[in-house]
Amino acid sequence: MKQAKFSVEENQVDFLNGYKSYGFKDKSSMLRAAIDKLRQELELETLKRSANLYAEVYSADKELQSLTEEPTAPWPE
């Protein structure tokens, strides 16, 4: 595992020092979990923005709407 050096605020140090009360074995595992959670939340926000943009494009594109609303042709027998 790689190591990194960074600065945190005093209240963040106090919070990290309580790692045991949150069920973590050490401060590093608590910080890794927090970073993973933040990454997931940021990725989810990116997906939501992307979905909203696709919805805007779809709602403004009548030709695309008609293509997706056309009934599918039956399979040849």
PDB file of N, CA and C in Angstrom:
ATOM      1  N   MET A   1       0.844  -1.166   0.000  1.00  0.00           N
ATOM      2  CA  MET A   1       0.000   0.000   0.000  1.00  0.00           C
ATOM      3  C   MET A   1       0.896   1.238   0.000  1.00  0.00           C
ATOM      4  N   LYS A   2       0.526   2.210  -0.784  1.00  0.00           N
ATOM      5  CA  LYS A   2       1.296   3.457  -0.858  1.00  0.00           C
ATOM      6  C   LYS A   2       0.944   4.351   0.323  1.00  0.00           C
ATOM      7  N   GLN A   3       1.872   5.216   0.655  1.00  0.00           N
ATOM      8  CA  GLN A   3       1.638   6.185   1.714  1.00  0.00           C
ATOM      9  C   GLN A   3       1.572   7.581   1.110  1.00  0.00           C
ATOM     10  N   ALA A   4       0.815   8.449   1.775  1.00  0.00           N
ATOM     11  CA  ALA A   4       0.695   9.832   1.331  1.00  0.00           C
ATOM     12  C   ALA A   4       0.757  10.735   2.561  1.00  0.00           C
ATOM     13  N   LYS A   5       1.305  11.903   2.379  1.00  0.00           N
ATOM     14  CA  LYS A   5       1.376  12.869   3.467  1.00  0.00           C
ATOM     15  C   LYS A   5       0.477  14.045   3.106  1.00  0.00           C
ATOM     16  N   PHE A   6      -0.362  14.459   4.050  1.00  0.00           N
ATOM     17  CA  PHE A   6      -1.266  15.573   3.804  1.00  0.00           C
ATOM     18  C   PHE A   6      -1.587  16.258   5.121  1.00  0.00           C
ATOM     19  N   SER A   7      -2.171  17.421   5.031  1.00  0.00           N
ATOM     20  CA  SER A   7      -2.526  18.203   6.214  1.00  0.00           C
ATOM     21  C   SER A   7      -4.031  18.185   6.407  1.00  0.00           C
ATOM     22  N   VAL A   8      -4.432  18.164   7.676  1.00  0.00           N
ATOM     23  CA  VAL A   8      -5.855  18.206   8.012  1.00  0.00           C
ATOM     24  C   VAL A   8      -6.064  19.222   9.132  1.00  0.00           C
ATOM     25  N   GLU A   9      -7.298  19.634   9.277  1.00  0.00           N
ATOM     26  CA  GLU A   9      -7.663  20.570  10.338  1.00  0.00           C
ATOM     27  C   GLU A   9      -7.684  19.836  11.684  1.00  0.00           C
ATOM     28  N   GLU A  10      -7.586  20.591  12.755  1.00  0.00           N
ATOM     29  CA  GLU A  10      -7.564  20.016  14.103  1.00  0.00           C
ATOM     30  C   GLU A  10      -8.814  19.180  14.382  1.00  0.00           C
ATOM     31  N   ASN A  11      -9.980  19.681  13.978  1.00  0.00           N
ATOM     32  CA  ASN A  11     -11.214  18.926  14.231  1.00  0.00           C
ATOM     33  C   ASN A  11     -11.238  17.624  13.431  1.00  0.00           C
ATOM     34  N   GLN A  12     -10.570  17.597  12.284  1.00  0.00           N
ATOM     35  CA  GLN A  12     -10.486  16.368  11.501  1.00  0.00           C
ATOM     36  C   GLN A  12      -9.562  15.359  12.178  1.00  0.00           C
ATOM     37  N   VAL A  13      -8.494  15.850  12.797  1.00  0.00           N
ATOM     38  CA  VAL A  13      -7.608  14.973  13.571  1.00  0.00           C
ATOM     39  C   VAL A  13      -8.384  14.369  14.731  1.00  0.00           C
ATOM     40  N   ASP A  14      -9.153  15.201  15.426  1.00  0.00           N
ATOM     41  CA  ASP A  14      -9.964  14.708  16.543  1.00  0.00           C
ATOM     42  C   ASP A  14     -10.924  13.622  16.072  1.00  0.00           C
ATOM     43  N   PHE A  15     -11.542  13.852  14.936  1.00  0.00           N
ATOM     44  CA  PHE A  15     -12.475  12.867  14.381  1.00  0.00           C
ATOM     45  C   PHE A  15     -11.744  11.565  14.052  1.00  0.00           C
ATOM     46  N   LEU A  16     -10.603  11.664  13.391  1.00  0.00           N
ATOM     47  CA  LEU A  16      -9.829  10.466  13.045  1.00  0.00           C
ATOM     48  C   LEU A  16      -9.369   9.709  14.284  1.00  0.00           C
ATOM     49  N   ASN A  17      -9.075  10.431  15.345  1.00  0.00           N
ATOM     50  CA  ASN A  17      -8.639   9.780  16.581  1.00  0.00           C
ATOM     51  C   ASN A  17      -9.737   8.921  17.201  1.00  0.00           C
ATOM     52  N   GLY A  18     -10.964   9.124  16.795  1.00  0.00           N
ATOM     53  CA  GLY A  18     -12.072   8.311  17.289  1.00  0.00           C
ATOM     54  C   GLY A  18     -12.349   7.095  16.425  1.00  0.00           C
ATOM     55  N   TYR A  19     -11.374   6.665  15.647  1.00  0.00           N
ATOM     56  CA  TYR A  19     -11.560   5.562  14.689  1.00  0.00           C
ATOM     57  C   TYR A  19     -12.125   4.304  15.331  1.00  0.00           C
ATOM     58  N   LYS A  20     -11.704   3.981  16.568  1.00  0.00           N
ATOM     59  CA  LYS A  20     -12.173   2.747  17.220  1.00  0.00           C
ATOM     60  C   LYS A  20     -13.679   2.788  17.478  1.00  0.00           C
ATOM     61  N   SER A  21     -14.171   3.946  17.849  1.00  0.00           N
ATOM     62  CA  SER A  21     -15.603   4.050  18.158  1.00  0.00           C
ATOM     63  C   SER A  21     -16.472   3.880  16.917  1.00  0.00           C
ATOM     64  N   TYR A  22     -15.867   4.004  15.735  1.00  0.00           N
ATOM     65  CA  TYR A  22     -16.592   3.799  14.480  1.00  0.00           C
ATOM     66  C   TYR A  22     -16.325   2.421  13.888  1.00  0.00           C
ATOM     67  N   GLY A  23     -15.577   1.596  14.617  1.00  0.00           N
ATOM     68  CA  GLY A  23     -15.351   0.224  14.186  1.00  0.00           C
ATOM     69  C   GLY A  23     -14.168   0.020  13.254  1.00  0.00           C
ATOM     70  N   PHE A  24     -13.276   0.980  13.169  1.00  0.00           N
ATOM     71  CA  PHE A  24     -12.105   0.850  12.307  1.00  0.00           C
ATOM     72  C   PHE A  24     -10.908   0.385  13.125  1.00  0.00           C
ATOM     73  N   LYS A  25      -9.995  -0.336  12.475  1.00  0.00           N
ATOM     74  CA  LYS A  25      -8.822  -0.845  13.197  1.00  0.00           C
ATOM     75  C   LYS A  25      -7.747   0.217  13.386  1.00  0.00           C
ATOM     76  N   ASP A  26      -7.757   1.225  12.503  1.00  0.00           N
ATOM     77  CA  ASP A  26      -6.788   2.317  12.625  1.00  0.00           C
ATOM     78  C   ASP A  26      -7.285   3.528  11.836  1.00  0.00           C
ATOM     79  N   LYS A  27      -6.560   4.626  11.974  1.00  0.00           N
ATOM     80  CA  LYS A  27      -6.945   5.863  11.295  1.00  0.00           C
ATOM     81  C   LYS A  27      -6.880   5.709   9.781  1.00  0.00           C
ATOM     82  N   SER A  28      -5.891   4.970   9.312  1.00  0.00           N
ATOM     83  CA  SER A  28      -5.725   4.804   7.864  1.00  0.00           C
ATOM     84  C   SER A  28      -6.915   4.092   7.241  1.00  0.00           C
ATOM     85  N   SER A  29      -7.410   3.044   7.900  1.00  0.00           N
ATOM     86  CA  SER A  29      -8.556   2.322   7.334  1.00  0.00           C
ATOM     87  C   SER A  29      -9.805   3.199   7.343  1.00  0.00           C
ATOM     88  N   MET A  30      -9.928   4.038   8.363  1.00  0.00           N
ATOM     89  CA  MET A  30     -11.060   4.969   8.416  1.00  0.00           C
ATOM     90  C   MET A  30     -10.962   5.981   7.278  1.00  0.00           C
ATOM     91  N   LEU A  31      -9.772   6.505   7.053  1.00  0.00           N
ATOM     92  CA  LEU A  31      -9.578   7.482   5.988  1.00  0.00           C
ATOM     93  C   LEU A  31      -9.797   6.854   4.617  1.00  0.00           C
ATOM     94  N   ARG A  32      -9.320   5.621   4.420  1.00  0.00           N
ATOM     95  CA  ARG A  32      -9.536   4.940   3.136  1.00  0.00           C
ATOM     96  C   ARG A  32     -11.027   4.740   2.874  1.00  0.00           C
ATOM     97  N   ALA A  33     -11.770   4.359   3.917  1.00  0.00           N
ATOM     98  CA  ALA A  33     -13.215   4.177   3.761  1.00  0.00           C
ATOM     99  C   ALA A  33     -13.889   5.499   3.401  1.00  0.00           C
ATOM    100  N   ALA A  34     -13.449   6.580   4.025  1.00  0.00           N
ATOM    101  CA  ALA A  34     -14.028   7.895   3.734  1.00  0.00           C
ATOM    102  C   ALA A  34     -13.732   8.319   2.299  1.00  0.00           C
ATOM    103  N   ILE A  35     -12.514   8.064   1.846  1.00  0.00           N
ATOM    104  CA  ILE A  35     -12.149   8.416   0.471  1.00  0.00           C
ATOM    105  C   ILE A  35     -12.952   7.583  -0.521  1.00  0.00           C
ATOM    106  N   ASP A  36     -13.107   6.284  -0.238  1.00  0.00           N
ATOM    107  CA  ASP A  36     -13.899   5.423  -1.121  1.00  0.00           C
ATOM    108  C   ASP A  36     -15.347   5.898  -1.197  1.00  0.00           C
ATOM    109  N   LYS A  37     -15.904   6.271  -0.039  1.00  0.00           N
ATOM    110  CA  LYS A  37     -17.289   6.757  -0.016  1.00  0.00           C
ATOM    111  C   LYS A  37     -17.419   8.055  -0.809  1.00  0.00           C
ATOM    112  N   LEU A  38     -16.476   8.957  -0.649  1.00  0.00           N
ATOM    113  CA  LEU A  38     -16.504  10.212  -1.399  1.00  0.00           C
ATOM    114  C   LEU A  38     -16.404   9.939  -2.890  1.00  0.00           C
ATOM    115  N   ARG A  39     -15.522   9.030  -3.285  1.00  0.00           N
ATOM    116  CA  ARG A  39     -15.378   8.696  -4.708  1.00  0.00           C
ATOM    117  C   ARG A  39     -16.698   8.158  -5.260  1.00  0.00           C
ATOM    118  N   GLN A  40     -17.347   7.259  -4.518  1.00  0.00           N
ATOM    119  CA  GLN A  40     -18.633   6.714  -4.971  1.00  0.00           C
ATOM    120  C   GLN A  40     -19.677   7.813  -5.124  1.00  0.00           C
ATOM    121  N   GLU A  41     -19.729   8.723  -4.163  1.00  0.00           N
ATOM    122  CA  GLU A  41     -20.705   9.818  -4.225  1.00  0.00           C
ATOM    123  C   GLU A  41     -20.434  10.736  -5.416  1.00  0.00           C
ATOM    124  N   LEU A  42     -19.167  11.036  -5.672  1.00  0.00           N
ATOM    125  CA  LEU A  42     -18.823  11.891  -6.808  1.00  0.00           C
ATOM    126  C   LEU A  42     -19.138  11.202  -8.131  1.00  0.00           C
ATOM    127  N   GLU A  43     -18.858   9.901  -8.217  1.00  0.00           N
ATOM    128  CA  GLU A  43     -19.178   9.159  -9.438  1.00  0.00           C
ATOM    129  C   GLU A  43     -20.683   9.102  -9.662  1.00  0.00           C
ATOM    130  N   LEU A  44     -21.452   8.929  -8.578  1.00  0.00           N
ATOM    131  CA  LEU A  44     -22.907   8.911  -8.689  1.00  0.00           C
ATOM    132  C   LEU A  44     -23.423  10.261  -9.177  1.00  0.00           C
ATOM    133  N   GLU A  45     -22.873  11.342  -8.656  1.00  0.00           N
ATOM    134  CA  GLU A  45     -23.275  12.678  -9.108  1.00  0.00           C
ATOM    135  C   GLU A  45     -22.966  12.868 -10.589  1.00  0.00           C
ATOM    136  N   THR A  46     -21.819  12.372 -11.030  1.00  0.00           N
ATOM    137  CA  THR A  46     -21.456  12.461 -12.445  1.00  0.00           C
ATOM    138  C   THR A  46     -22.454  11.690 -13.293  1.00  0.00           C
ATOM    139  N   LEU A  47     -22.828  10.498 -12.847  1.00  0.00           N
ATOM    140  CA  LEU A  47     -23.815   9.702 -13.583  1.00  0.00           C
ATOM    141  C   LEU A  47     -25.174  10.393 -13.633  1.00  0.00           C
ATOM    142  N   LYS A  48     -25.572  11.003 -12.518  1.00  0.00           N
ATOM    143  CA  LYS A  48     -26.855  11.714 -12.489  1.00  0.00           C
ATOM    144  C   LYS A  48     -26.855  12.890 -13.464  1.00  0.00           C
ATOM    145  N   ARG A  49     -25.751  13.654 -13.479  1.00  0.00           N
ATOM    146  CA  ARG A  49     -25.663  14.781 -14.418  1.00  0.00           C
ATOM    147  C   ARG A  49     -25.716  14.287 -15.854  1.00  0.00           C
ATOM    148  N   SER A  50     -25.026  13.188 -16.123  1.00  0.00           N
ATOM    149  CA  SER A  50     -25.025  12.615 -17.467  1.00  0.00           C
ATOM    150  C   SER A  50     -26.430  12.166 -17.859  1.00  0.00           C
ATOM    151  N   ALA A  51     -27.116  11.501 -16.945  1.00  0.00           N
ATOM    152  CA  ALA A  51     -28.477  11.047 -17.229  1.00  0.00           C
ATOM    153  C   ALA A  51     -29.397  12.232 -17.484  1.00  0.00           C
ATOM    154  N   ASN A  52     -29.228  13.294 -16.718  1.00  0.00           N
ATOM    155  CA  ASN A  52     -30.051  14.489 -16.924  1.00  0.00           C
ATOM    156  C   ASN A  52     -29.781  15.120 -18.285  1.00  0.00           C
ATOM    157  N   LEU A  53     -28.520  15.150 -18.689  1.00  0.00           N
ATOM    158  CA  LEU A  53     -28.190  15.691 -20.015  1.00  0.00           C
ATOM    159  C   LEU A  53     -28.803  14.839 -21.123  1.00  0.00           C
ATOM    160  N   TYR A  54     -28.717  13.513 -20.981  1.00  0.00           N
ATOM    161  CA  TYR A  54     -29.342  12.635 -21.971  1.00  0.00           C
ATOM    162  C   TYR A  54     -30.853  12.858 -22.017  1.00  0.00           C
ATOM    163  N   ALA A  55     -31.472  13.043 -20.859  1.00  0.00           N
ATOM    164  CA  ALA A  55     -32.913  13.286 -20.814  1.00  0.00           C
ATOM    165  C   ALA A  55     -33.263  14.600 -21.509  1.00  0.00           C
ATOM    166  N   GLU A  56     -32.443  15.625 -21.319  1.00  0.00           N
ATOM    167  CA  GLU A  56     -32.677  16.905 -21.992  1.00  0.00           C
ATOM    168  C   GLU A  56     -32.568  16.755 -23.502  1.00  0.00           C
ATOM    169  N   VAL A  57     -31.527  16.063 -23.947  1.00  0.00           N
ATOM    170  CA  VAL A  57     -31.338  15.849 -25.386  1.00  0.00           C
ATOM    171  C   VAL A  57     -32.520  15.073 -25.948  1.00  0.00           C
ATOM    172  N   TYR A  58     -32.928  14.027 -25.250  1.00  0.00           N
ATOM    173  CA  TYR A  58     -34.042  13.198 -25.712  1.00  0.00           C
ATOM    174  C   TYR A  58     -35.331  14.010 -25.794  1.00  0.00           C
ATOM    175  N   SER A  59     -35.602  14.809 -24.770  1.00  0.00           N
ATOM    176  CA  SER A  59     -36.858  15.568 -24.765  1.00  0.00           C
ATOM    177  C   SER A  59     -36.878  16.642 -25.852  1.00  0.00           C
ATOM    178  N   ALA A  60     -35.719  17.113 -26.271  1.00  0.00           N
ATOM    179  CA  ALA A  60     -35.656  18.149 -27.304  1.00  0.00           C
ATOM    180  C   ALA A  60     -35.584  17.576 -28.716  1.00  0.00           C
ATOM    181  N   ASP A  61     -35.342  16.292 -28.857  1.00  0.00           N
ATOM    182  CA  ASP A  61     -35.143  15.674 -30.171  1.00  0.00           C
ATOM    183  C   ASP A  61     -36.360  14.828 -30.548  1.00  0.00           C
ATOM    184  N   LYS A  62     -37.278  15.435 -31.280  1.00  0.00           N
ATOM    185  CA  LYS A  62     -38.516  14.739 -31.661  1.00  0.00           C
ATOM    186  C   LYS A  62     -38.236  13.545 -32.568  1.00  0.00           C
ATOM    187  N   GLU A  63     -37.227  13.655 -33.424  1.00  0.00           N
ATOM    188  CA  GLU A  63     -36.897  12.535 -34.309  1.00  0.00           C
ATOM    189  C   GLU A  63     -36.429  11.326 -33.491  1.00  0.00           C
ATOM    190  N   LEU A  64     -35.614  11.566 -32.501  1.00  0.00           N
ATOM    191  CA  LEU A  64     -35.148  10.482 -31.642  1.00  0.00           C
ATOM    192  C   LEU A  64     -36.315   9.859 -30.882  1.00  0.00           C
ATOM    193  N   GLN A  65     -37.233  10.686 -30.416  1.00  0.00           N
ATOM    194  CA  GLN A  65     -38.405  10.166 -29.713  1.00  0.00           C
ATOM    195  C   GLN A  65     -39.232   9.270 -30.620  1.00  0.00           C
ATOM    196  N   SER A  66     -39.413   9.687 -31.873  1.00  0.00           N
ATOM    197  CA  SER A  66     -40.218   8.869 -32.786  1.00  0.00           C
ATOM    198  C   SER A  66     -39.517   7.549 -33.086  1.00  0.00           C
ATOM    199  N   LEU A  67     -38.195   7.565 -33.172  1.00  0.00           N
ATOM    200  CA  LEU A  67     -37.459   6.321 -33.405  1.00  0.00           C
ATOM    201  C   LEU A  67     -37.629   5.338 -32.254  1.00  0.00           C
ATOM    202  N   THR A  68     -37.595   5.854 -31.042  1.00  0.00           N
ATOM    203  CA  THR A  68     -37.702   4.959 -29.887  1.00  0.00           C
ATOM    204  C   THR A  68     -39.135   4.539 -29.607  1.00  0.00           C
ATOM    205  N   GLU A  69     -40.098   5.268 -30.145  1.00  0.00           N
ATOM    206  CA  GLU A  69     -41.492   4.924 -29.911  1.00  0.00           C
ATOM    207  C   GLU A  69     -42.067   4.020 -30.994  1.00  0.00           C
ATOM    208  N   GLU A  70     -41.348   3.861 -32.119  1.00  0.00           N
ATOM    209  CA  GLU A  70     -41.851   3.002 -33.189  1.00  0.00           C
ATOM    210  C   GLU A  70     -41.914   1.561 -32.700  1.00  0.00           C
ATOM    211  N   PRO A  71     -42.974   0.865 -33.110  1.00  0.00           N
ATOM    212  CA  PRO A  71     -43.029  -0.553 -32.714  1.00  0.00           C
ATOM    213  C   PRO A  71     -41.919  -1.332 -33.411  1.00  0.00           C
ATOM    214  N   THR A  72     -41.434  -2.334 -32.748  1.00  0.00           N
ATOM    215  CA  THR A  72     -40.379  -3.149 -33.348  1.00  0.00           C
ATOM    216  C   THR A  72     -40.991  -4.094 -34.365  1.00  0.00           C
ATOM    217  N   ALA A  73     -40.244  -4.314 -35.424  1.00  0.00           N
ATOM    218  CA  ALA A  73     -40.719  -5.219 -36.486  1.00  0.00           C
ATOM    219  C   ALA A  73     -40.623  -6.656 -35.982  1.00  0.00           C
ATOM    220  N   PRO A  74     -41.557  -7.491 -36.409  1.00  0.00           N
ATOM    221  CA  PRO A  74     -41.491  -8.891 -35.961  1.00  0.00           C
ATOM    222  C   PRO A  74     -40.288  -9.597 -36.583  1.00  0.00           C
ATOM    223  N   TRP A  75     -39.805 -10.599 -35.888  1.00  0.00           N
ATOM    224  CA  TRP A  75     -38.688 -11.394 -36.401  1.00  0.00           C
ATOM    225  C   TRP A  75     -39.135 -12.169 -37.628  1.00  0.00           C
ATOM    226  N   PRO A  76     -38.284 -12.265 -38.632  1.00  0.00           N
ATOM    227  CA  PRO A  76     -38.659 -13.065 -39.815  1.00  0.00           C
ATOM    228  C   PRO A  76     -38.757 -14.541 -39.440  1.00  0.00           C
ATOM    229  N   GLU A  77     -39.704 -15.202 -40.075  1.00  0.00           N
ATOM    230  CA  GLU A  77     -39.894 -16.628 -39.758  1.00  0.00           C
ATOM    231  C   GLU A  77     -39.210 -17.512 -40.749  1.00  0.00           C
TER     232      GLU A  77
END
